[in-house]
């Protein structure tokens, strides 16, 4: 049996269950009615998720991570569960038992939020956070950033053909952070180099969030370091975006 190191185990324990399901089983999770922060599992609708925790009322089981869920609910061995979470893929050997109740509606496909007529509030918000004007407008011009019609920051991840496959929202006036339904975490937000060749452009820098990557670009711009590599957001702690890159 393969050995795990402490870093792998720590990374696996930090993967949120809701993030895992939205990335790999989007049709298996639904938002609870009448609750702003609670979701439930379609497969086992007594399992509720809220604020980084989950609890399955029918069996009185609970936990704090996707790792707990895979082991306690799915019955997956600890080593296999850790490897699936740190490798950025779903546990494909698992096949859910069909429920006798009516099948849920077919999940909607991935679609970017509708854009606002301008990006003024997004630009102002990011500038207030210390992001340089150059970094902001580079993203806007590349189609990697825009303001939604609900006045949220929308960060976009594209595939090798330039097609949007991932997007996440960041609140401007409230603490909102979420991936758009149906997003594929293998295509994270990535700010490419300014030029196709030059010092540092073959280097990849990793960040937890898109804003972190733009802060990195701003720091190097102010310091005139000449660093011009790729800046990739993992959208959390999963390595799916890194593997996809």
C-alpha atoms as a PDB file:
ATOM      1  CA  UNK A   1       0.000   0.000   0.000  1.00  0.00           C
ATOM      2  CA  UNK A   2       1.435   3.444  -0.932  1.00  0.00           C
ATOM      3  CA  UNK A   3       2.739   5.658   1.856  1.00  0.00           C
ATOM      4  CA  UNK A   4       1.366   9.115   2.568  1.00  0.00           C
ATOM      5  CA  UNK A   5       3.318  12.063   3.851  1.00  0.00           C
ATOM      6  CA  UNK A   6       2.093  14.600   6.405  1.00  0.00           C
ATOM      7  CA  UNK A   7       1.642  17.286   3.756  1.00  0.00           C
ATOM      8  CA  UNK A   8      -0.730  15.071   1.740  1.00  0.00           C
ATOM      9  CA  UNK A   9      -2.759  14.194   4.809  1.00  0.00           C
ATOM     10  CA  UNK A  10      -2.969  17.822   5.934  1.00  0.00           C
ATOM     11  CA  UNK A  11      -4.043  18.929   2.448  1.00  0.00           C
ATOM     12  CA  UNK A  12      -6.714  16.216   2.268  1.00  0.00           C
ATOM     13  CA  UNK A  13      -8.125  17.173   5.681  1.00  0.00           C
ATOM     14  CA  UNK A  14      -8.476  20.793   4.554  1.00  0.00           C
ATOM     15  CA  UNK A  15     -10.702  20.036   1.529  1.00  0.00           C
ATOM     16  CA  UNK A  16     -14.221  21.259   2.240  1.00  0.00           C
ATOM     17  CA  UNK A  17     -16.998  18.754   1.416  1.00  0.00           C
ATOM     18  CA  UNK A  18     -19.152  21.303  -0.401  1.00  0.00           C
ATOM     19  CA  UNK A  19     -16.199  22.394  -2.569  1.00  0.00           C
ATOM     20  CA  UNK A  20     -15.457  18.743  -3.386  1.00  0.00           C
ATOM     21  CA  UNK A  21     -19.063  17.950  -4.372  1.00  0.00           C
ATOM     22  CA  UNK A  22     -19.504  21.109  -6.445  1.00  0.00           C
ATOM     23  CA  UNK A  23     -16.308  20.304  -8.339  1.00  0.00           C
ATOM     24  CA  UNK A  24     -16.820  16.574  -8.954  1.00  0.00           C
ATOM     25  CA  UNK A  25     -20.478  15.759  -8.230  1.00  0.00           C
ATOM     26  CA  UNK A  26     -22.415  18.973  -8.970  1.00  0.00           C
ATOM     27  CA  UNK A  27     -25.624  17.036  -9.617  1.00  0.00           C
ATOM     28  CA  UNK A  28     -25.438  15.471  -6.154  1.00  0.00           C
ATOM     29  CA  UNK A  29     -25.731  18.668  -4.112  1.00  0.00           C
ATOM     30  CA  UNK A  30     -28.626  21.109  -3.705  1.00  0.00           C
ATOM     31  CA  UNK A  31     -29.202  24.303  -1.751  1.00  0.00           C
ATOM     32  CA  UNK A  32     -31.633  23.932   1.142  1.00  0.00           C
ATOM     33  CA  UNK A  33     -34.761  26.052   0.850  1.00  0.00           C
ATOM     34  CA  UNK A  34     -35.050  28.897   3.289  1.00  0.00           C
ATOM     35  CA  UNK A  35     -31.405  28.787   4.310  1.00  0.00           C
ATOM     36  CA  UNK A  36     -28.673  31.050   2.983  1.00  0.00           C
ATOM     37  CA  UNK A  37     -25.721  28.812   3.832  1.00  0.00           C
ATOM     38  CA  UNK A  38     -27.072  25.248   4.033  1.00  0.00           C
ATOM     39  CA  UNK A  39     -26.836  22.588   1.320  1.00  0.00           C
ATOM     40  CA  UNK A  40     -27.916  18.952   1.255  1.00  0.00           C
ATOM     41  CA  UNK A  41     -26.757  15.801  -0.515  1.00  0.00           C
ATOM     42  CA  UNK A  42     -29.212  14.466  -3.119  1.00  0.00           C
ATOM     43  CA  UNK A  43     -27.931  10.935  -2.608  1.00  0.00           C
ATOM     44  CA  UNK A  44     -28.585  11.097   1.165  1.00  0.00           C
ATOM     45  CA  UNK A  45     -30.906  14.055   1.726  1.00  0.00           C
ATOM     46  CA  UNK A  46     -30.541  13.870   5.511  1.00  0.00           C
ATOM     47  CA  UNK A  47     -26.911  14.950   5.087  1.00  0.00           C
ATOM     48  CA  UNK A  48     -26.659  18.721   5.491  1.00  0.00           C
ATOM     49  CA  UNK A  49     -23.625  20.963   4.881  1.00  0.00           C
ATOM     50  CA  UNK A  50     -23.134  24.412   6.352  1.00  0.00           C
ATOM     51  CA  UNK A  51     -20.189  26.649   7.311  1.00  0.00           C
ATOM     52  CA  UNK A  52     -17.516  24.028   6.657  1.00  0.00           C
ATOM     53  CA  UNK A  53     -19.279  21.253   8.582  1.00  0.00           C
ATOM     54  CA  UNK A  54     -21.577  18.372   7.581  1.00  0.00           C
ATOM     55  CA  UNK A  55     -23.947  16.112   9.482  1.00  0.00           C
ATOM     56  CA  UNK A  56     -26.001  13.116   8.358  1.00  0.00           C
ATOM     57  CA  UNK A  57     -29.061  13.055  10.606  1.00  0.00           C
ATOM     58  CA  UNK A  58     -30.233   9.558   9.629  1.00  0.00           C
ATOM     59  CA  UNK A  59     -27.049   7.944  10.975  1.00  0.00           C
ATOM     60  CA  UNK A  60     -25.916  10.650  13.412  1.00  0.00           C
ATOM     61  CA  UNK A  61     -22.583  10.953  11.591  1.00  0.00           C
ATOM     62  CA  UNK A  62     -20.768  14.201  11.041  1.00  0.00           C
ATOM     63  CA  UNK A  63     -17.453  15.741  10.150  1.00  0.00           C
ATOM     64  CA  UNK A  64     -15.512  18.772   8.980  1.00  0.00           C
ATOM     65  CA  UNK A  65     -14.109  17.731   5.610  1.00  0.00           C
ATOM     66  CA  UNK A  66     -14.491  15.774   2.386  1.00  0.00           C
ATOM     67  CA  UNK A  67     -12.039  13.247   3.843  1.00  0.00           C
ATOM     68  CA  UNK A  68     -14.395  12.509   6.759  1.00  0.00           C
ATOM     69  CA  UNK A  69     -17.271  12.116   4.292  1.00  0.00           C
ATOM     70  CA  UNK A  70     -15.444   9.716   1.978  1.00  0.00           C
ATOM     71  CA  UNK A  71     -14.444   7.500   4.884  1.00  0.00           C
ATOM     72  CA  UNK A  72     -17.601   7.608   7.047  1.00  0.00           C
ATOM     73  CA  UNK A  73     -20.327   7.773   4.390  1.00  0.00           C
ATOM     74  CA  UNK A  74     -18.721   6.241   1.322  1.00  0.00           C
ATOM     75  CA  UNK A  75     -16.681   3.668   3.249  1.00  0.00           C
ATOM     76  CA  UNK A  76     -13.494   4.469   1.315  1.00  0.00           C
ATOM     77  CA  UNK A  77     -10.146   3.504   2.822  1.00  0.00           C
ATOM     78  CA  UNK A  78      -8.150   6.355   4.354  1.00  0.00           C
ATOM     79  CA  UNK A  79      -5.219   6.043   1.923  1.00  0.00           C
ATOM     80  CA  UNK A  80      -7.458   5.936  -1.152  1.00  0.00           C
ATOM     81  CA  UNK A  81      -9.476   8.906   0.084  1.00  0.00           C
ATOM     82  CA  UNK A  82      -6.371  11.015   0.731  1.00  0.00           C
ATOM     83  CA  UNK A  83      -4.928  10.185  -2.677  1.00  0.00           C
ATOM     84  CA  UNK A  84      -8.148  11.106  -4.479  1.00  0.00           C
ATOM     85  CA  UNK A  85      -8.394  14.461  -2.677  1.00  0.00           C
ATOM     86  CA  UNK A  86      -4.757  15.450  -3.092  1.00  0.00           C
ATOM     87  CA  UNK A  87      -4.709  14.199  -6.684  1.00  0.00           C
ATOM     88  CA  UNK A  88      -7.637  16.427  -7.655  1.00  0.00           C
ATOM     89  CA  UNK A  89      -9.986  13.694  -8.864  1.00  0.00           C
ATOM     90  CA  UNK A  90     -13.190  12.057  -7.667  1.00  0.00           C
ATOM     91  CA  UNK A  91     -13.193   8.487  -6.371  1.00  0.00           C
ATOM     92  CA  UNK A  92     -14.386   6.869  -9.582  1.00  0.00           C
ATOM     93  CA  UNK A  93     -14.844   3.367  -8.153  1.00  0.00           C
ATOM     94  CA  UNK A  94     -17.844   4.547  -6.148  1.00  0.00           C
ATOM     95  CA  UNK A  95     -21.306   4.052  -7.651  1.00  0.00           C
ATOM     96  CA  UNK A  96     -24.209   5.568  -5.700  1.00  0.00           C
ATOM     97  CA  UNK A  97     -27.191   3.337  -4.938  1.00  0.00           C
ATOM     98  CA  UNK A  98     -30.248   4.532  -6.936  1.00  0.00           C
ATOM     99  CA  UNK A  99     -32.984   6.038  -4.802  1.00  0.00           C
ATOM    100  CA  UNK A 100     -36.602   4.954  -5.114  1.00  0.00           C
ATOM    101  CA  UNK A 101     -37.799   8.543  -4.902  1.00  0.00           C
ATOM    102  CA  UNK A 102     -38.296  10.610  -8.082  1.00  0.00           C
ATOM    103  CA  UNK A 103     -35.061  11.574  -9.817  1.00  0.00           C
ATOM    104  CA  UNK A 104     -33.932  15.181  -9.346  1.00  0.00           C
ATOM    105  CA  UNK A 105     -34.138  17.574 -12.233  1.00  0.00           C
ATOM    106  CA  UNK A 106     -31.208  17.502 -14.619  1.00  0.00           C
ATOM    107  CA  UNK A 107     -28.598  19.954 -13.317  1.00  0.00           C
ATOM    108  CA  UNK A 108     -28.091  23.084 -15.334  1.00  0.00           C
ATOM    109  CA  UNK A 109     -24.891  23.389 -17.312  1.00  0.00           C
ATOM    110  CA  UNK A 110     -22.085  25.814 -16.549  1.00  0.00           C
ATOM    111  CA  UNK A 111     -22.833  29.391 -17.560  1.00  0.00           C
ATOM    112  CA  UNK A 112     -21.093  32.648 -16.723  1.00  0.00           C
ATOM    113  CA  UNK A 113     -23.094  35.191 -14.693  1.00  0.00           C
ATOM    114  CA  UNK A 114     -24.616  37.976 -16.756  1.00  0.00           C
ATOM    115  CA  UNK A 115     -22.247  40.953 -17.041  1.00  0.00           C
ATOM    116  CA  UNK A 116     -22.978  44.463 -15.860  1.00  0.00           C
ATOM    117  CA  UNK A 117     -22.904  47.273 -18.426  1.00  0.00           C
ATOM    118  CA  UNK A 118     -19.549  48.385 -16.982  1.00  0.00           C
ATOM    119  CA  UNK A 119     -16.847  47.222 -14.569  1.00  0.00           C
ATOM    120  CA  UNK A 120     -16.622  50.378 -12.472  1.00  0.00           C
ATOM    121  CA  UNK A 121     -17.387  48.845  -9.062  1.00  0.00           C
ATOM    122  CA  UNK A 122     -15.051  45.896  -9.621  1.00  0.00           C
ATOM    123  CA  UNK A 123     -12.222  48.206 -10.657  1.00  0.00           C
ATOM    124  CA  UNK A 124     -12.801  50.475  -7.652  1.00  0.00           C
ATOM    125  CA  UNK A 125     -12.969  47.506  -5.256  1.00  0.00           C
ATOM    126  CA  UNK A 126      -9.746  45.923  -6.489  1.00  0.00           C
ATOM    127  CA  UNK A 127      -7.919  49.250  -6.583  1.00  0.00           C
ATOM    128  CA  UNK A 128      -8.943  49.839  -2.944  1.00  0.00           C
ATOM    129  CA  UNK A 129      -7.380  46.470  -2.126  1.00  0.00           C
ATOM    130  CA  UNK A 130      -4.087  47.629  -3.596  1.00  0.00           C
ATOM    131  CA  UNK A 131      -4.304  45.851  -6.947  1.00  0.00           C
ATOM    132  CA  UNK A 132      -2.590  47.854  -9.680  1.00  0.00           C
ATOM    133  CA  UNK A 133      -4.587  49.371 -12.514  1.00  0.00           C
ATOM    134  CA  UNK A 134      -2.434  47.499 -15.030  1.00  0.00           C
ATOM    135  CA  UNK A 135      -3.181  44.107 -13.453  1.00  0.00           C
ATOM    136  CA  UNK A 136      -6.917  44.835 -13.296  1.00  0.00           C
ATOM    137  CA  UNK A 137      -7.234  45.952 -16.909  1.00  0.00           C
ATOM    138  CA  UNK A 138      -5.017  43.141 -18.190  1.00  0.00           C
ATOM    139  CA  UNK A 139      -7.551  40.708 -16.732  1.00  0.00           C
ATOM    140  CA  UNK A 140     -10.554  42.605 -18.076  1.00  0.00           C
ATOM    141  CA  UNK A 141      -9.092  42.832 -21.582  1.00  0.00           C
ATOM    142  CA  UNK A 142      -8.237  39.118 -21.543  1.00  0.00           C
ATOM    143  CA  UNK A 143     -11.799  38.195 -20.509  1.00  0.00           C
ATOM    144  CA  UNK A 144     -10.604  36.863 -17.154  1.00  0.00           C
ATOM    145  CA  UNK A 145     -12.419  39.408 -14.977  1.00  0.00           C
ATOM    146  CA  UNK A 146     -15.654  41.383 -15.135  1.00  0.00           C
ATOM    147  CA  UNK A 147     -18.472  42.774 -13.015  1.00  0.00           C
ATOM    148  CA  UNK A 148     -21.705  40.776 -12.944  1.00  0.00           C
ATOM    149  CA  UNK A 149     -25.143  42.381 -13.175  1.00  0.00           C
ATOM    150  CA  UNK A 150     -25.412  41.729  -9.430  1.00  0.00           C
ATOM    151  CA  UNK A 151     -22.192  43.704  -8.868  1.00  0.00           C
ATOM    152  CA  UNK A 152     -19.869  40.847  -7.962  1.00  0.00           C
ATOM    153  CA  UNK A 153     -16.298  40.266  -9.108  1.00  0.00           C
ATOM    154  CA  UNK A 154     -16.318  37.372 -11.551  1.00  0.00           C
ATOM    155  CA  UNK A 155     -12.952  35.668 -12.135  1.00  0.00           C
ATOM    156  CA  UNK A 156     -12.864  33.346 -15.155  1.00  0.00           C
ATOM    157  CA  UNK A 157     -10.772  30.254 -15.911  1.00  0.00           C
ATOM    158  CA  UNK A 158     -10.376  29.195 -19.546  1.00  0.00           C
ATOM    159  CA  UNK A 159      -9.288  25.992 -21.285  1.00  0.00           C
ATOM    160  CA  UNK A 160      -6.568  25.660 -23.918  1.00  0.00           C
ATOM    161  CA  UNK A 161      -9.008  26.867 -26.603  1.00  0.00           C
ATOM    162  CA  UNK A 162      -9.918  30.027 -24.727  1.00  0.00           C
ATOM    163  CA  UNK A 163     -13.356  28.738 -23.691  1.00  0.00           C
ATOM    164  CA  UNK A 164     -14.566  29.627 -20.208  1.00  0.00           C
ATOM    165  CA  UNK A 165     -14.799  26.457 -18.116  1.00  0.00           C
ATOM    166  CA  UNK A 166     -14.565  27.867 -14.596  1.00  0.00           C
ATOM    167  CA  UNK A 167     -15.677  31.008 -12.783  1.00  0.00           C
ATOM    168  CA  UNK A 168     -15.870  32.186  -9.208  1.00  0.00           C
ATOM    169  CA  UNK A 169     -17.532  35.180  -7.612  1.00  0.00           C
ATOM    170  CA  UNK A 170     -16.120  37.523  -4.976  1.00  0.00           C
ATOM    171  CA  UNK A 171     -18.377  39.946  -3.145  1.00  0.00           C
ATOM    172  CA  UNK A 172     -17.600  43.643  -3.323  1.00  0.00           C
ATOM    173  CA  UNK A 173     -19.677  44.830  -0.375  1.00  0.00           C
ATOM    174  CA  UNK A 174     -20.121  41.505   1.462  1.00  0.00           C
ATOM    175  CA  UNK A 175     -17.985  38.483   2.318  1.00  0.00           C
ATOM    176  CA  UNK A 176     -19.064  36.259  -0.572  1.00  0.00           C
ATOM    177  CA  UNK A 177     -16.759  33.657  -2.100  1.00  0.00           C
ATOM    178  CA  UNK A 178     -18.200  30.909  -4.282  1.00  0.00           C
ATOM    179  CA  UNK A 179     -17.624  28.939  -7.474  1.00  0.00           C
ATOM    180  CA  UNK A 180     -20.205  29.228 -10.242  1.00  0.00           C
ATOM    181  CA  UNK A 181     -22.371  26.122 -10.567  1.00  0.00           C
ATOM    182  CA  UNK A 182     -20.866  23.555 -12.932  1.00  0.00           C
ATOM    183  CA  UNK A 183     -17.352  25.044 -12.852  1.00  0.00           C
ATOM    184  CA  UNK A 184     -14.495  22.680 -13.658  1.00  0.00           C
ATOM    185  CA  UNK A 185     -11.708  23.247 -11.137  1.00  0.00           C
ATOM    186  CA  UNK A 186      -9.131  21.900 -13.592  1.00  0.00           C
ATOM    187  CA  UNK A 187      -9.359  25.256 -15.371  1.00  0.00           C
ATOM    188  CA  UNK A 188      -8.532  27.771 -12.666  1.00  0.00           C
ATOM    189  CA  UNK A 189      -8.098  31.518 -13.070  1.00  0.00           C
ATOM    190  CA  UNK A 190      -4.658  32.101 -14.572  1.00  0.00           C
ATOM    191  CA  UNK A 191      -3.025  35.433 -15.403  1.00  0.00           C
ATOM    192  CA  UNK A 192      -0.573  34.732 -18.253  1.00  0.00           C
ATOM    193  CA  UNK A 193       2.724  36.561 -18.847  1.00  0.00           C
ATOM    194  CA  UNK A 194       2.608  39.952 -20.527  1.00  0.00           C
ATOM    195  CA  UNK A 195       4.853  38.756 -23.351  1.00  0.00           C
ATOM    196  CA  UNK A 196       5.323  35.358 -24.986  1.00  0.00           C
ATOM    197  CA  UNK A 197       9.027  35.243 -24.178  1.00  0.00           C
ATOM    198  CA  UNK A 198      11.299  36.850 -21.652  1.00  0.00           C
ATOM    199  CA  UNK A 199      12.732  36.541 -18.175  1.00  0.00           C
ATOM    200  CA  UNK A 200      10.676  34.312 -15.896  1.00  0.00           C
ATOM    201  CA  UNK A 201       7.809  33.625 -18.283  1.00  0.00           C
ATOM    202  CA  UNK A 202       8.310  29.847 -18.048  1.00  0.00           C
ATOM    203  CA  UNK A 203       7.794  29.994 -14.283  1.00  0.00           C
ATOM    204  CA  UNK A 204       4.492  29.184 -12.601  1.00  0.00           C
ATOM    205  CA  UNK A 205       3.415  30.795  -9.316  1.00  0.00           C
ATOM    206  CA  UNK A 206       0.516  29.281  -7.337  1.00  0.00           C
ATOM    207  CA  UNK A 207      -2.041  31.105  -5.204  1.00  0.00           C
ATOM    208  CA  UNK A 208      -5.134  30.210  -3.247  1.00  0.00           C
ATOM    209  CA  UNK A 209      -7.329  32.907  -4.806  1.00  0.00           C
ATOM    210  CA  UNK A 210      -7.386  35.140  -7.902  1.00  0.00           C
ATOM    211  CA  UNK A 211      -7.008  38.276  -5.768  1.00  0.00           C
ATOM    212  CA  UNK A 212      -3.809  36.840  -4.285  1.00  0.00           C
ATOM    213  CA  UNK A 213      -2.406  36.323  -7.775  1.00  0.00           C
ATOM    214  CA  UNK A 214      -3.233  39.921  -8.748  1.00  0.00           C
ATOM    215  CA  UNK A 215      -1.591  41.179  -5.562  1.00  0.00           C
ATOM    216  CA  UNK A 216       1.547  39.266  -6.558  1.00  0.00           C
ATOM    217  CA  UNK A 217       1.464  40.894 -10.012  1.00  0.00           C
ATOM    218  CA  UNK A 218       1.021  44.334  -8.436  1.00  0.00           C
ATOM    219  CA  UNK A 219       3.955  43.874  -6.052  1.00  0.00           C
ATOM    220  CA  UNK A 220       6.292  42.876  -8.868  1.00  0.00           C
ATOM    221  CA  UNK A 221       5.027  45.742 -11.011  1.00  0.00           C
ATOM    222  CA  UNK A 222       5.749  48.307  -8.290  1.00  0.00           C
ATOM    223  CA  UNK A 223       9.117  46.723  -7.566  1.00  0.00           C
ATOM    224  CA  UNK A 224       9.939  46.562 -11.295  1.00  0.00           C
ATOM    225  CA  UNK A 225      11.422  43.095 -10.824  1.00  0.00           C
ATOM    226  CA  UNK A 226      10.799  41.963 -14.404  1.00  0.00           C
ATOM    227  CA  UNK A 227       9.103  38.759 -13.224  1.00  0.00           C
ATOM    228  CA  UNK A 228       6.617  37.806 -15.913  1.00  0.00           C
ATOM    229  CA  UNK A 229       5.498  34.218 -15.336  1.00  0.00           C
ATOM    230  CA  UNK A 230       2.111  32.509 -15.108  1.00  0.00           C
ATOM    231  CA  UNK A 231       0.020  33.171 -12.002  1.00  0.00           C
ATOM    232  CA  UNK A 232      -2.460  30.372 -11.304  1.00  0.00           C
ATOM    233  CA  UNK A 233      -5.200  30.371  -8.678  1.00  0.00           C
ATOM    234  CA  UNK A 234      -6.043  26.959  -7.208  1.00  0.00           C
ATOM    235  CA  UNK A 235      -9.412  28.205  -5.974  1.00  0.00           C
ATOM    236  CA  UNK A 236      -8.731  26.690  -2.549  1.00  0.00           C
ATOM    237  CA  UNK A 237      -6.356  23.862  -1.679  1.00  0.00           C
ATOM    238  CA  UNK A 238      -7.172  21.237  -4.311  1.00  0.00           C
ATOM    239  CA  UNK A 239      -4.451  20.448  -6.849  1.00  0.00           C
ATOM    240  CA  UNK A 240      -6.990  20.031  -9.684  1.00  0.00           C
ATOM    241  CA  UNK A 241      -6.094  23.371 -11.306  1.00  0.00           C
ATOM    242  CA  UNK A 242      -2.377  22.607 -11.092  1.00  0.00           C
ATOM    243  CA  UNK A 243      -2.893  19.199 -12.721  1.00  0.00           C
ATOM    244  CA  UNK A 244      -5.011  20.816 -15.430  1.00  0.00           C
ATOM    245  CA  UNK A 245      -2.392  23.469 -16.093  1.00  0.00           C
END
